[in-house]
Amino acid sequence: MAGPELAGSLTDLGLIDEYHLYLRPFVLGGGKPYFAGARPPLRLVASDLVPEDAVRLAFVPA
């Protein structure tokens, strides 16, 4: 797990092959975005339901 700053740095260096985002639909208010800067171009390659009403999304760079 990493914060958006680390993920952004690794993305800029081309070191991320695949992103896995786990989402659980509820509202908390404010927070940090997944990507600190501009969102990189991504392509959805998989989506799965996981326990406790969450969804796993897998993306690869487009």
Protein backbone atom coordinates (compact mmCIF):
# COMPACT_ATOMS: atom_id res chain seq x y z
CA MET A 1 0.00 0.00 0.00
CA ALA A 2 1.24 3.45 -0.79
CA GLY A 3 0.06 6.99 -0.84
CA PRO A 4 -0.65 9.00 -3.96
CA GLU A 5 2.73 10.76 -3.81
CA LEU A 6 4.70 7.50 -3.93
CA ALA A 7 2.43 6.03 -6.60
CA GLY A 8 2.86 9.20 -8.67
CA SER A 9 6.64 9.04 -8.39
CA LEU A 10 6.73 5.38 -9.40
CA THR A 11 4.35 6.06 -12.29
CA ASP A 12 6.54 8.92 -13.54
CA LEU A 13 9.52 6.54 -13.53
CA GLY A 14 7.56 3.88 -15.45
CA LEU A 15 7.91 1.36 -12.61
CA ILE A 16 4.26 0.32 -12.21
CA ASP A 17 3.05 -2.53 -14.42
CA GLU A 18 -0.44 -2.88 -12.95
CA TYR A 19 -2.65 -0.98 -10.52
CA HIS A 20 -5.07 -2.77 -8.18
CA LEU A 21 -7.65 -0.49 -6.60
CA TYR A 22 -10.00 -1.79 -3.94
CA LEU A 23 -13.20 0.20 -3.57
CA ARG A 24 -15.87 -0.07 -0.94
CA PRO A 25 -18.82 2.19 -1.68
CA PHE A 26 -19.43 4.52 1.24
CA VAL A 27 -18.95 8.23 1.78
CA LEU A 28 -16.33 9.57 4.19
CA GLY A 29 -16.11 13.16 3.05
CA GLY A 30 -12.80 14.65 1.94
CA GLY A 31 -9.58 12.79 1.35
CA LYS A 32 -6.62 12.34 -0.95
CA PRO A 33 -7.21 11.47 -4.59
CA TYR A 34 -5.77 8.20 -5.91
CA PHE A 35 -3.37 10.11 -8.15
CA ALA A 36 -1.54 13.19 -6.85
CA GLY A 37 -1.03 14.74 -10.31
CA ALA A 38 -2.62 14.13 -13.65
CA ARG A 39 -4.10 10.63 -13.91
CA PRO A 40 -2.01 8.43 -16.16
CA PRO A 41 -3.79 6.85 -19.14
CA LEU A 42 -5.07 3.50 -17.86
CA ARG A 43 -6.97 0.53 -19.31
CA LEU A 44 -9.26 -1.60 -17.14
CA VAL A 45 -8.29 -5.28 -17.45
CA ALA A 46 -10.29 -6.92 -14.64
CA SER A 47 -12.91 -6.31 -12.01
CA ASP A 48 -13.89 -8.68 -9.21
CA LEU A 49 -16.18 -8.65 -6.22
CA VAL A 50 -14.29 -9.28 -3.00
CA PRO A 51 -15.62 -9.95 0.53
CA GLU A 52 -17.34 -7.23 2.54
CA ASP A 53 -19.03 -5.54 -0.44
CA ALA A 54 -15.83 -4.32 -2.07
CA VAL A 55 -14.74 -4.29 -5.71
CA ARG A 56 -11.21 -4.89 -6.99
CA LEU A 57 -10.31 -3.06 -10.19
CA ALA A 58 -7.13 -3.91 -12.10
CA PHE A 59 -5.68 -1.39 -14.53
CA VAL A 60 -2.61 -1.41 -16.78
CA PRO A 61 -0.99 1.61 -18.40
CA ALA A 62 -2.67 2.35 -21.75
